[in-house]
């Protein structure tokens, strides 16, 4: 039976199945394709009526295929050069991949980087095919045992399917839990950088229009990642298998309390730092990307400071929005509420200064139903009171130019995890926040998962524009990740993600999140404390009246 395929503004009829690679031709800028809104490798064969969109590294869905394939390329080159050295991938500074050498007697150096560059380029120039094949789980286990990949054997226990995919290239075998390009010749854009004690791999980013962004070191961010990695290794929570072991060993309550104890320790540390400088600090500024848990954190910090004899008050930056008709416009002509210029900066500055100087101030209240500010409470504070503000722009000095720097204490909050499926497959930090937002939006706004995913690119653009450049100016970085949370989040997110139809525009994202969550065992939320940061998203928070 014949079928039609629409692609590149043309429709053709075929009598036999046809590979996407044949339609794309020799254009190596094409990484993968959407077939009726499902991501497919270029080796996929179409045998039904379909609309096909070819994707390049300028597309968000394609860059994941490129990055997955690049990890395979690096792993292949590294294994050929250093077959006795184990290594681990993780996401790190400057939107890059960090390679950690796991053998204590092996250190990265300039010579190693140059060798790897030459070997990777040789493989790219040779344009070797990446051959995909399927084996049973028992066969996969035997392959991994032969390759001495114990970490991959451990995750097999939690794979619900009976089969496992592999990719073979010139005798090298591995599986990167994602779609791949057809051959090594597609991977022309990457950079290696010595980043002691490991190596950084930079690659194209869709948010940079398919270019590799300039390297930007971020020591504060990097220190946070290193700290959580060390803690995760100590508690055996740096892999999905390690996390699941707490559940299979019936140590769920211990695991939850262990994770919450880390938050308690950071809050105590933060309280101590603020207390030491309380004679100067008048304004505590809390910022972070979407779904970082800013609201719960601000409430818990307030309690921590109260326990130290400090009396903080919270003021919402959202009450200083300009009327909708005066807000800046985005590229679609809609009000851009992510922009700092959507706020009445002058009014906010003056109110904060007046409060700090002991004056009585009538604060505004933004009525989101009418899109206007109305009169709010009148407030006067004494010299012993500190003001807590939180929002995506809280660390931007433009918002508080009238307040001297020594009177401001800046806190950046974001979930930073270092969890891997196995040594070669790290989990995305951004996907964690997206899952939080999907669950929260359904709980508190009755928004579907598809609606939340549709808005996510706009949210991300705002984060890159307004947030990430401010994190290195923070006095303290609070890691809001909880090692057990994906086991709890799975129970809430899975039913929402599975409602997205396979032909829906956002199905590729839903499918990716489902593929990640399926490896985690479930944890019921009955043991999650009412003041836990995760309660901000799943409900049941003791701060629900202010969330």
Protein backbone atom coordinates (compact mmCIF):
# COMPACT_ATOMS: atom_id res chain seq x y z
CA UNK A 1 0.00 0.00 0.00
CA UNK A 2 1.37 3.42 -0.94
CA UNK A 3 1.79 6.24 1.58
CA UNK A 4 2.74 9.92 1.47
CA UNK A 5 5.48 11.81 3.28
CA UNK A 6 5.50 15.58 3.58
CA UNK A 7 8.95 17.14 4.15
CA UNK A 8 10.88 20.23 3.03
CA UNK A 9 7.64 21.84 1.74
CA UNK A 10 6.91 18.93 -0.58
CA UNK A 11 4.77 15.81 -0.50
CA UNK A 12 5.86 12.56 -2.09
CA UNK A 13 4.23 9.17 -2.47
CA UNK A 14 6.14 5.96 -1.76
CA UNK A 15 5.32 2.31 -2.29
CA UNK A 16 8.07 0.90 -0.05
CA UNK A 17 9.39 1.98 3.32
CA UNK A 18 12.02 4.70 3.14
CA UNK A 19 14.75 5.70 5.58
CA UNK A 20 14.83 9.29 6.81
CA UNK A 21 18.50 9.30 5.86
CA UNK A 22 17.52 8.83 2.22
CA UNK A 23 15.20 11.82 2.42
CA UNK A 24 17.76 14.01 4.17
CA UNK A 25 20.56 13.18 1.75
CA UNK A 26 24.16 14.06 2.58
CA UNK A 27 23.32 17.09 4.72
CA UNK A 28 25.32 16.37 7.88
CA UNK A 29 23.88 19.43 9.61
CA UNK A 30 20.66 17.43 10.04
CA UNK A 31 20.88 15.53 13.31
CA UNK A 32 17.51 13.79 13.63
CA UNK A 33 13.88 14.30 12.65
CA UNK A 34 10.36 14.63 13.94
CA UNK A 35 7.99 12.13 12.37
CA UNK A 36 4.42 13.05 13.26
CA UNK A 37 5.88 14.88 16.28
CA UNK A 38 7.93 11.92 17.47
CA UNK A 39 11.72 12.19 17.54
CA UNK A 40 13.33 9.61 15.27
CA UNK A 41 16.88 8.78 14.33
CA UNK A 42 17.80 9.34 10.71
CA UNK A 43 18.13 5.58 10.25
CA UNK A 44 14.42 5.19 11.05
CA UNK A 45 12.33 3.81 8.18
CA UNK A 46 8.93 5.37 7.45
CA UNK A 47 6.18 3.15 6.08
CA UNK A 48 3.05 5.24 6.77
CA UNK A 49 1.60 8.68 6.04
CA UNK A 50 3.80 11.15 7.84
CA UNK A 51 4.87 14.74 8.24
CA UNK A 52 8.64 14.93 8.66
CA UNK A 53 10.62 17.86 10.05
CA UNK A 54 14.38 17.63 9.90
CA UNK A 55 16.20 19.07 12.92
CA UNK A 56 19.63 20.62 13.35
CA UNK A 57 21.60 21.71 16.41
CA UNK A 58 19.61 24.94 16.36
CA UNK A 59 16.61 22.90 17.57
CA UNK A 60 16.15 21.98 21.22
CA UNK A 61 15.04 18.41 20.51
CA UNK A 62 18.01 17.79 18.22
CA UNK A 63 20.74 19.02 20.51
CA UNK A 64 20.07 16.15 22.90
CA UNK A 65 20.70 13.68 20.09
CA UNK A 66 23.93 15.50 19.27
CA UNK A 67 25.09 15.60 22.89
CA UNK A 68 24.29 11.90 23.39
CA UNK A 69 26.26 11.00 20.29
CA UNK A 70 29.16 13.22 21.37
CA UNK A 71 29.42 11.41 24.69
CA UNK A 72 29.59 8.15 22.74
CA UNK A 73 32.34 9.59 20.52
CA UNK A 74 34.39 10.73 23.51
CA UNK A 75 33.88 7.42 25.33
CA UNK A 76 35.00 5.51 22.25
CA UNK A 77 38.14 7.63 21.84
CA UNK A 78 38.97 7.55 25.55
CA UNK A 79 38.52 3.77 25.80
CA UNK A 80 40.80 3.22 22.82
CA UNK A 81 43.53 5.42 24.32
CA UNK A 82 43.13 4.51 28.01
CA UNK A 83 41.36 1.13 28.19
CA UNK A 84 42.21 0.64 31.88
CA UNK A 85 40.90 4.03 33.08
CA UNK A 86 37.28 4.48 34.18
CA UNK A 87 35.55 7.83 33.80
CA UNK A 88 32.27 9.50 34.62
CA UNK A 89 30.28 12.17 32.78
CA UNK A 90 28.37 14.95 34.54
CA UNK A 91 26.98 18.35 33.56
CA UNK A 92 29.07 21.27 34.69
CA UNK A 93 30.04 24.92 34.21
CA UNK A 94 29.58 26.81 30.95
CA UNK A 95 26.81 24.41 29.85
CA UNK A 96 29.35 21.67 29.20
CA UNK A 97 30.06 18.03 30.08
CA UNK A 98 32.65 17.27 32.74
CA UNK A 99 34.75 14.12 32.52
CA UNK A 100 35.92 12.82 35.89
CA UNK A 101 38.70 10.24 35.94
CA UNK A 102 37.79 7.58 38.49
CA UNK A 103 41.23 5.96 38.81
CA UNK A 104 43.09 7.72 41.62
CA UNK A 105 46.47 7.12 40.00
CA UNK A 106 45.46 8.80 36.71
CA UNK A 107 45.35 12.58 36.29
CA UNK A 108 44.19 14.64 33.33
CA UNK A 109 46.75 16.88 31.67
CA UNK A 110 47.34 18.82 28.47
CA UNK A 111 48.93 15.80 26.78
CA UNK A 112 45.82 13.68 27.47
CA UNK A 113 43.54 16.38 26.05
CA UNK A 114 45.62 16.68 22.88
CA UNK A 115 45.63 12.90 22.39
CA UNK A 116 41.86 12.77 22.81
CA UNK A 117 41.34 15.64 20.38
CA UNK A 118 43.37 13.86 17.72
CA UNK A 119 41.62 10.52 18.24
CA UNK A 120 38.14 12.06 18.25
CA UNK A 121 38.90 14.02 15.10
CA UNK A 122 40.27 10.88 13.43
CA UNK A 123 37.03 9.04 14.20
CA UNK A 124 34.95 11.97 12.93
CA UNK A 125 36.94 12.20 9.69
CA UNK A 126 36.56 8.45 9.12
CA UNK A 127 32.76 8.85 9.36
CA UNK A 128 32.26 5.46 11.00
CA UNK A 129 28.68 4.20 11.21
CA UNK A 130 26.91 3.90 14.56
CA UNK A 131 25.15 0.55 14.25
CA UNK A 132 22.16 0.00 16.51
CA UNK A 133 21.08 -3.45 17.63
CA UNK A 134 18.86 -4.98 20.31
CA UNK A 135 19.67 -7.74 22.79
CA UNK A 136 17.94 -9.31 25.75
CA UNK A 137 18.72 -8.08 29.27
CA UNK A 138 20.63 -11.28 29.95
CA UNK A 139 22.73 -10.76 26.84
CA UNK A 140 23.31 -7.13 27.82
CA UNK A 141 24.46 -8.21 31.26
CA UNK A 142 26.95 -10.62 29.72
CA UNK A 143 28.29 -7.85 27.45
CA UNK A 144 28.69 -5.45 30.37
CA UNK A 145 30.40 -8.12 32.48
CA UNK A 146 32.89 -8.71 29.69
CA UNK A 147 33.51 -4.94 29.47
CA UNK A 148 33.78 -4.66 33.29
CA UNK A 149 30.95 -2.07 33.40
CA UNK A 150 29.44 -2.85 36.80
CA UNK A 151 27.57 0.48 36.90
CA UNK A 152 25.62 -0.48 33.76
CA UNK A 153 24.83 -3.90 35.21
CA UNK A 154 23.35 -2.24 38.30
CA UNK A 155 20.92 -0.04 36.33
CA UNK A 156 19.76 -3.04 34.26
CA UNK A 157 17.95 -4.28 37.39
CA UNK A 158 15.54 -1.37 37.13
CA UNK A 159 14.96 -1.35 33.38
CA UNK A 160 11.32 -2.38 32.88
CA UNK A 161 11.81 -3.56 29.29
CA UNK A 162 13.05 -7.05 28.51
CA UNK A 163 15.46 -5.80 25.87
CA UNK A 164 18.38 -3.36 25.74
CA UNK A 165 19.65 -1.21 22.88
CA UNK A 166 23.33 -1.08 21.98
CA UNK A 167 25.37 0.93 19.52
CA UNK A 168 28.45 -0.54 17.87
CA UNK A 169 31.17 1.40 16.09
CA UNK A 170 34.34 -0.29 14.86
CA UNK A 171 34.10 -2.85 17.64
CA UNK A 172 33.24 -0.36 20.40
CA UNK A 173 29.99 -1.08 22.28
CA UNK A 174 27.99 1.27 24.50
CA UNK A 175 24.49 2.60 25.12
CA UNK A 176 23.83 6.24 25.99
CA UNK A 177 20.09 6.08 26.79
CA UNK A 178 19.17 8.36 23.91
CA UNK A 179 18.92 8.82 20.17
CA UNK A 180 22.11 8.92 18.09
CA UNK A 181 23.27 10.39 14.79
CA UNK A 182 23.89 7.85 12.00
CA UNK A 183 27.68 8.13 11.96
CA UNK A 184 30.66 9.86 13.53
CA UNK A 185 30.99 12.31 10.64
CA UNK A 186 27.97 14.25 11.93
CA UNK A 187 29.89 15.30 15.07
CA UNK A 188 32.03 18.10 13.69
CA UNK A 189 31.48 20.72 16.38
CA UNK A 190 33.01 20.26 19.87
CA UNK A 191 35.84 21.50 22.03
CA UNK A 192 37.88 19.82 24.75
CA UNK A 193 39.30 21.83 27.62
CA UNK A 194 41.51 20.82 30.51
CA UNK A 195 39.57 21.58 33.67
CA UNK A 196 41.48 20.12 36.59
CA UNK A 197 41.00 17.52 37.90
CA UNK A 198 39.15 16.47 34.74
CA UNK A 199 38.21 17.52 31.21
CA UNK A 200 35.37 19.65 29.88
CA UNK A 201 33.56 18.88 26.62
CA UNK A 202 31.86 21.89 25.05
CA UNK A 203 29.24 21.39 22.37
CA UNK A 204 26.69 23.42 20.36
CA UNK A 205 23.67 24.77 22.21
CA UNK A 206 20.28 25.46 20.69
CA UNK A 207 19.89 28.60 22.80
CA UNK A 208 23.06 29.90 21.08
CA UNK A 209 21.62 29.14 17.64
CA UNK A 210 23.65 25.99 17.27
CA UNK A 211 27.00 27.55 18.17
CA UNK A 212 29.35 26.54 20.99
CA UNK A 213 29.03 29.30 23.61
CA UNK A 214 32.21 31.05 24.76
CA UNK A 215 33.68 29.38 27.82
CA UNK A 216 32.66 31.09 31.04
CA UNK A 217 34.09 29.76 34.25
CA UNK A 218 31.71 29.76 37.20
CA UNK A 219 33.66 28.82 40.33
CA UNK A 220 30.72 29.38 42.70
CA UNK A 221 28.45 27.14 40.62
CA UNK A 222 31.25 24.60 40.19
CA UNK A 223 31.92 24.51 43.93
CA UNK A 224 28.23 23.73 44.55
CA UNK A 225 28.31 20.85 42.06
CA UNK A 226 31.47 19.47 43.63
CA UNK A 227 29.97 19.64 47.12
CA UNK A 228 26.77 17.80 46.15
CA UNK A 229 28.78 15.19 44.25
CA UNK A 230 30.93 14.51 47.32
CA UNK A 231 27.87 14.28 49.56
CA UNK A 232 26.07 12.03 47.07
CA UNK A 233 29.05 9.65 46.92
CA UNK A 234 29.25 9.49 50.71
CA UNK A 235 25.55 8.66 50.96
CA UNK A 236 25.57 6.38 47.87
CA UNK A 237 23.00 8.62 46.17
CA UNK A 238 25.04 9.57 43.10
CA UNK A 239 23.35 6.95 40.90
CA UNK A 240 19.80 5.80 40.30
CA UNK A 241 20.77 2.30 41.43
CA UNK A 242 22.17 3.69 44.68
CA UNK A 243 18.98 5.69 45.30
CA UNK A 244 16.77 2.70 44.54
CA UNK A 245 18.79 0.59 46.99
CA UNK A 246 17.40 2.66 49.87
CA UNK A 247 13.93 1.58 48.78
CA UNK A 248 14.68 -2.09 48.15
CA UNK A 249 16.49 -2.25 51.51
CA UNK A 250 13.45 -0.67 53.22
CA UNK A 251 15.40 2.39 54.35
CA UNK A 252 13.05 5.00 52.87
CA UNK A 253 12.54 6.99 56.08
CA UNK A 254 16.28 7.05 56.66
CA UNK A 255 16.87 8.26 53.10
CA UNK A 256 14.28 11.04 53.36
CA UNK A 257 15.65 12.27 56.67
CA UNK A 258 19.21 12.02 55.40
CA UNK A 259 18.36 14.27 52.45
CA UNK A 260 16.40 16.73 54.58
CA UNK A 261 19.28 16.88 57.06
CA UNK A 262 21.48 18.35 54.34
CA UNK A 263 18.98 21.18 53.84
CA UNK A 264 18.80 21.74 57.59
CA UNK A 265 22.59 21.92 57.75
CA UNK A 266 22.78 24.46 54.93
CA UNK A 267 20.08 26.59 56.57
CA UNK A 268 21.98 26.53 59.87
CA UNK A 269 25.20 27.47 58.07
CA UNK A 270 23.43 30.30 56.28
CA UNK A 271 21.87 31.52 59.52
CA UNK A 272 25.30 31.60 61.14
CA UNK A 273 26.81 33.61 58.28
CA UNK A 274 24.00 36.18 58.34
CA UNK A 275 24.11 36.47 62.12
CA UNK A 276 27.83 37.28 62.05
CA UNK A 277 27.19 40.29 59.79
CA UNK A 278 23.74 41.28 61.00
CA UNK A 279 24.92 44.76 62.03
CA UNK A 280 25.34 45.52 58.32
CA UNK A 281 22.77 43.36 56.55
CA UNK A 282 19.38 44.99 55.98
CA UNK A 283 18.24 43.30 52.76
CA UNK A 284 18.38 39.56 52.03
CA UNK A 285 17.94 38.90 48.31
CA UNK A 286 16.92 35.43 47.11
CA UNK A 287 16.91 34.51 43.42
CA UNK A 288 16.96 31.40 41.30
CA UNK A 289 15.46 29.87 38.17
CA UNK A 290 11.91 28.59 37.90
CA UNK A 291 10.88 25.82 40.31
CA UNK A 292 13.92 26.18 42.53
CA UNK A 293 11.79 26.31 45.66
CA UNK A 294 12.34 30.00 46.44
CA UNK A 295 9.09 30.46 48.37
CA UNK A 296 9.54 27.55 50.78
CA UNK A 297 13.21 28.41 51.20
CA UNK A 298 12.38 32.02 52.08
CA UNK A 299 9.92 30.80 54.73
CA UNK A 300 12.40 28.34 56.20
CA UNK A 301 15.15 30.95 56.24
CA UNK A 302 12.82 33.29 58.10
CA UNK A 303 12.26 30.63 60.78
CA UNK A 304 16.01 29.99 60.99
CA UNK A 305 16.68 33.70 61.53
CA UNK A 306 13.87 34.02 64.08
CA UNK A 307 15.53 31.24 66.07
CA UNK A 308 18.64 33.43 66.22
CA UNK A 309 16.82 36.51 67.49
CA UNK A 310 16.62 38.18 64.07
CA UNK A 311 13.21 39.47 63.00
CA UNK A 312 12.86 39.26 59.21
CA UNK A 313 9.91 40.37 57.08
CA UNK A 314 9.13 39.29 53.51
CA UNK A 315 8.23 41.65 50.70
CA UNK A 316 7.09 40.35 47.31
CA UNK A 317 8.79 41.77 44.24
CA UNK A 318 5.73 40.66 42.23
CA UNK A 319 3.74 43.50 43.82
CA UNK A 320 5.88 45.96 41.88
CA UNK A 321 4.85 44.86 38.40
CA UNK A 322 3.98 47.70 36.04
CA UNK A 323 0.44 47.72 34.65
CA UNK A 324 0.22 45.20 31.82
CA UNK A 325 -0.17 47.93 29.19
CA UNK A 326 3.18 49.44 30.27
CA UNK A 327 5.14 46.20 30.42
CA UNK A 328 7.78 45.51 27.73
CA UNK A 329 6.77 43.22 24.88
CA UNK A 330 8.30 39.91 23.90
CA UNK A 331 8.94 38.74 20.35
CA UNK A 332 5.28 37.75 20.03
CA UNK A 333 3.99 41.15 21.15
CA UNK A 334 2.80 39.84 24.52
CA UNK A 335 3.70 41.36 27.91
CA UNK A 336 7.16 40.09 28.86
CA UNK A 337 6.77 39.46 32.59
CA UNK A 338 10.19 37.79 32.74
CA UNK A 339 11.95 41.09 32.01
CA UNK A 340 13.22 43.23 34.88
CA UNK A 341 11.77 46.19 33.01
CA UNK A 342 8.30 44.77 33.70
CA UNK A 343 8.86 46.00 37.29
CA UNK A 344 8.59 49.53 38.63
CA UNK A 345 12.26 49.60 39.56
CA UNK A 346 12.32 53.20 40.75
CA UNK A 347 9.35 52.65 43.07
CA UNK A 348 10.84 49.45 44.50
CA UNK A 349 14.21 51.07 45.09
CA UNK A 350 12.67 54.02 46.91
CA UNK A 351 10.42 51.85 49.06
CA UNK A 352 13.32 49.64 50.17
CA UNK A 353 15.50 52.66 50.98
CA UNK A 354 12.72 54.38 52.93
CA UNK A 355 12.02 51.24 54.95
CA UNK A 356 15.70 50.75 55.80
CA UNK A 357 15.89 54.38 56.91
CA UNK A 358 12.99 53.83 59.31
CA UNK A 359 10.22 55.56 57.39
CA UNK A 360 6.60 54.36 57.18
CA UNK A 361 5.86 53.10 53.67
CA UNK A 362 2.59 52.17 51.99
CA UNK A 363 3.47 49.08 49.98
CA UNK A 364 1.68 48.28 46.73
CA UNK A 365 -0.26 45.09 46.06
CA UNK A 366 -0.48 43.80 42.51
CA UNK A 367 -3.92 42.53 41.57
CA UNK A 368 -3.28 39.94 38.86
CA UNK A 369 -6.98 39.76 37.98
CA UNK A 370 -7.08 43.37 36.81
CA UNK A 371 -3.39 43.67 35.92
CA UNK A 372 -2.91 46.75 38.10
CA UNK A 373 -1.35 47.72 41.41
CA UNK A 374 -3.63 48.63 44.32
CA UNK A 375 -2.87 49.94 47.79
CA UNK A 376 -1.41 47.44 50.21
CA UNK A 377 -0.27 47.45 53.82
CA UNK A 378 1.59 50.31 55.49
CA UNK A 379 4.86 49.13 57.00
CA UNK A 380 7.47 50.62 59.29
CA UNK A 381 10.42 48.60 60.53
CA UNK A 382 13.04 49.16 63.19
CA UNK A 383 16.80 48.85 62.88
CA UNK A 384 16.80 45.20 64.04
CA UNK A 385 14.52 44.07 61.19
CA UNK A 386 15.89 42.65 57.93
CA UNK A 387 13.89 42.56 54.71
CA UNK A 388 13.69 39.35 52.66
CA UNK A 389 12.91 39.70 48.96
CA UNK A 390 12.72 36.78 46.52
CA UNK A 391 12.22 36.54 42.78
CA UNK A 392 14.10 35.94 39.56
CA UNK A 393 15.56 39.49 39.62
CA UNK A 394 16.38 39.71 43.32
CA UNK A 395 20.16 39.50 42.73
CA UNK A 396 20.13 42.08 39.94
CA UNK A 397 21.71 45.25 41.34
CA UNK A 398 19.53 47.32 39.03
CA UNK A 399 16.62 46.45 41.28
CA UNK A 400 18.33 47.73 44.45
CA UNK A 401 20.75 50.43 43.26
CA UNK A 402 19.88 52.73 46.19
CA UNK A 403 20.93 50.11 48.76
CA UNK A 404 24.69 49.95 49.51
CA UNK A 405 26.29 46.60 48.69
CA UNK A 406 27.38 45.96 52.29
CA UNK A 407 23.71 46.10 53.36
CA UNK A 408 22.68 43.34 50.92
CA UNK A 409 23.15 39.61 51.37
CA UNK A 410 22.59 37.69 48.13
CA UNK A 411 21.44 34.07 48.03
CA UNK A 412 21.17 32.02 44.85
CA UNK A 413 18.95 28.95 45.05
CA UNK A 414 18.68 26.16 42.51
CA UNK A 415 18.47 22.35 42.53
CA UNK A 416 21.91 21.01 41.64
CA UNK A 417 22.14 17.25 41.35
CA UNK A 418 24.94 14.92 40.33
CA UNK A 419 22.93 11.77 39.65
CA UNK A 420 23.75 9.35 36.86
CA UNK A 421 21.95 6.41 35.34
CA UNK A 422 25.45 5.00 34.95
CA UNK A 423 28.91 6.54 34.65
CA UNK A 424 28.33 7.57 31.04
CA UNK A 425 24.78 8.95 31.41
CA UNK A 426 24.14 11.95 33.70
CA UNK A 427 20.65 13.23 34.42
CA UNK A 428 19.66 16.73 33.37
CA UNK A 429 19.32 19.45 36.02
CA UNK A 430 16.85 21.31 33.81
CA UNK A 431 14.59 18.27 33.45
CA UNK A 432 14.35 18.08 37.24
CA UNK A 433 13.02 21.63 37.44
CA UNK A 434 10.61 21.01 34.57
CA UNK A 435 9.18 18.01 36.42
CA UNK A 436 8.73 20.12 39.54
CA UNK A 437 6.89 22.76 37.55
CA UNK A 438 4.64 20.25 35.77
CA UNK A 439 3.54 18.80 39.11
CA UNK A 440 3.13 22.20 40.79
CA UNK A 441 1.21 23.77 37.89
CA UNK A 442 -1.27 20.91 37.91
CA UNK A 443 -1.66 21.06 41.70
CA UNK A 444 -2.10 24.80 42.10
CA UNK A 445 -3.12 26.11 38.67
CA UNK A 446 -4.86 23.09 37.14
CA UNK A 447 -2.56 23.40 34.13
CA UNK A 448 -1.93 20.32 32.02
CA UNK A 449 1.55 18.93 31.50
CA UNK A 450 1.30 19.94 27.86
CA UNK A 451 0.55 23.56 28.79
CA UNK A 452 3.51 23.70 31.17
CA UNK A 453 5.89 22.15 28.65
CA UNK A 454 4.68 24.62 26.00
CA UNK A 455 5.64 27.56 28.24
CA UNK A 456 9.00 26.10 29.25
CA UNK A 457 11.08 27.48 26.32
CA UNK A 458 9.92 31.00 27.18
CA UNK A 459 10.79 30.43 30.84
CA UNK A 460 14.22 29.19 29.86
CA UNK A 461 14.89 32.21 27.66
CA UNK A 462 14.10 34.44 30.62
CA UNK A 463 16.50 32.47 32.81
CA UNK A 464 19.37 32.80 30.36
CA UNK A 465 18.68 36.52 29.98
CA UNK A 466 18.13 37.50 33.61
CA UNK A 467 19.27 34.86 36.08
CA UNK A 468 22.34 32.79 35.25
CA UNK A 469 24.70 35.74 35.00
CA UNK A 470 23.83 36.75 38.58
CA UNK A 471 24.63 33.46 40.35
CA UNK A 472 28.37 34.11 40.56
CA UNK A 473 27.66 37.34 42.49
CA UNK A 474 25.85 35.47 45.25
CA UNK A 475 27.16 35.42 48.81
CA UNK A 476 25.71 31.93 49.28
CA UNK A 477 24.39 29.22 46.95
CA UNK A 478 21.65 27.02 48.40
CA UNK A 479 21.25 23.68 46.65
CA UNK A 480 17.54 22.93 46.81
CA UNK A 481 17.79 19.40 45.42
CA UNK A 482 16.66 16.47 47.56
CA UNK A 483 18.16 13.13 46.62
CA UNK A 484 14.89 11.24 47.15
CA UNK A 485 12.62 13.69 45.34
CA UNK A 486 12.51 12.05 41.89
CA UNK A 487 11.17 8.87 43.53
CA UNK A 488 8.33 10.94 45.01
CA UNK A 489 7.89 13.13 41.94
CA UNK A 490 7.47 10.06 39.74
CA UNK A 491 4.13 9.22 41.40
CA UNK A 492 2.77 12.65 40.51
CA UNK A 493 4.44 13.32 37.16
CA UNK A 494 3.97 10.00 35.36
CA UNK A 495 0.14 10.17 35.18
CA UNK A 496 0.37 13.74 33.86
CA UNK A 497 3.00 12.95 31.23
CA UNK A 498 1.20 9.86 29.92
CA UNK A 499 -1.87 11.95 29.07
CA UNK A 500 0.06 13.69 26.27
CA UNK A 501 -0.88 12.09 22.97
CA UNK A 502 1.84 10.71 20.71
CA UNK A 503 0.97 13.16 17.93
CA UNK A 504 1.01 16.20 20.26
CA UNK A 505 3.72 18.85 19.71
CA UNK A 506 5.19 18.32 23.19
CA UNK A 507 5.21 14.53 23.11
CA UNK A 508 9.00 14.32 22.52
CA UNK A 509 9.62 16.12 25.82
CA UNK A 510 7.09 13.98 27.68
CA UNK A 511 8.64 10.82 26.22
CA UNK A 512 12.12 11.89 27.36
CA UNK A 513 10.94 12.58 30.90
CA UNK A 514 9.11 9.25 31.05
CA UNK A 515 12.25 7.43 29.89
CA UNK A 516 14.16 9.02 32.78
CA UNK A 517 11.56 8.48 35.50
CA UNK A 518 10.91 4.84 34.68
CA UNK A 519 14.21 3.82 36.28
CA UNK A 520 13.30 5.25 39.70
CA UNK A 521 11.37 3.22 42.25
CA UNK A 522 8.37 4.93 43.86
CA UNK A 523 8.37 6.54 47.30
CA UNK A 524 5.09 7.47 48.99
CA UNK A 525 4.99 11.03 50.27
CA UNK A 526 3.60 10.23 53.73
CA UNK A 527 7.08 10.44 55.29
CA UNK A 528 7.97 13.74 53.60
CA UNK A 529 8.07 16.52 56.25
CA UNK A 530 5.46 19.26 55.96
CA UNK A 531 8.16 21.92 55.78
CA UNK A 532 10.12 20.08 53.09
CA UNK A 533 10.95 22.09 50.01
CA UNK A 534 9.41 19.40 47.81
CA UNK A 535 6.04 20.11 49.44
CA UNK A 536 5.96 23.37 47.47
CA UNK A 537 5.33 21.25 44.38
CA UNK A 538 3.41 18.16 45.50
CA UNK A 539 1.26 19.89 48.14
CA UNK A 540 0.81 19.41 51.87
CA UNK A 541 3.18 22.21 52.86
CA UNK A 542 2.83 23.85 56.26
CA UNK A 543 3.48 27.09 54.35
CA UNK A 544 0.58 26.49 51.96
CA UNK A 545 -1.09 29.76 52.86
CA UNK A 546 1.89 31.67 51.46
CA UNK A 547 2.81 29.41 48.53
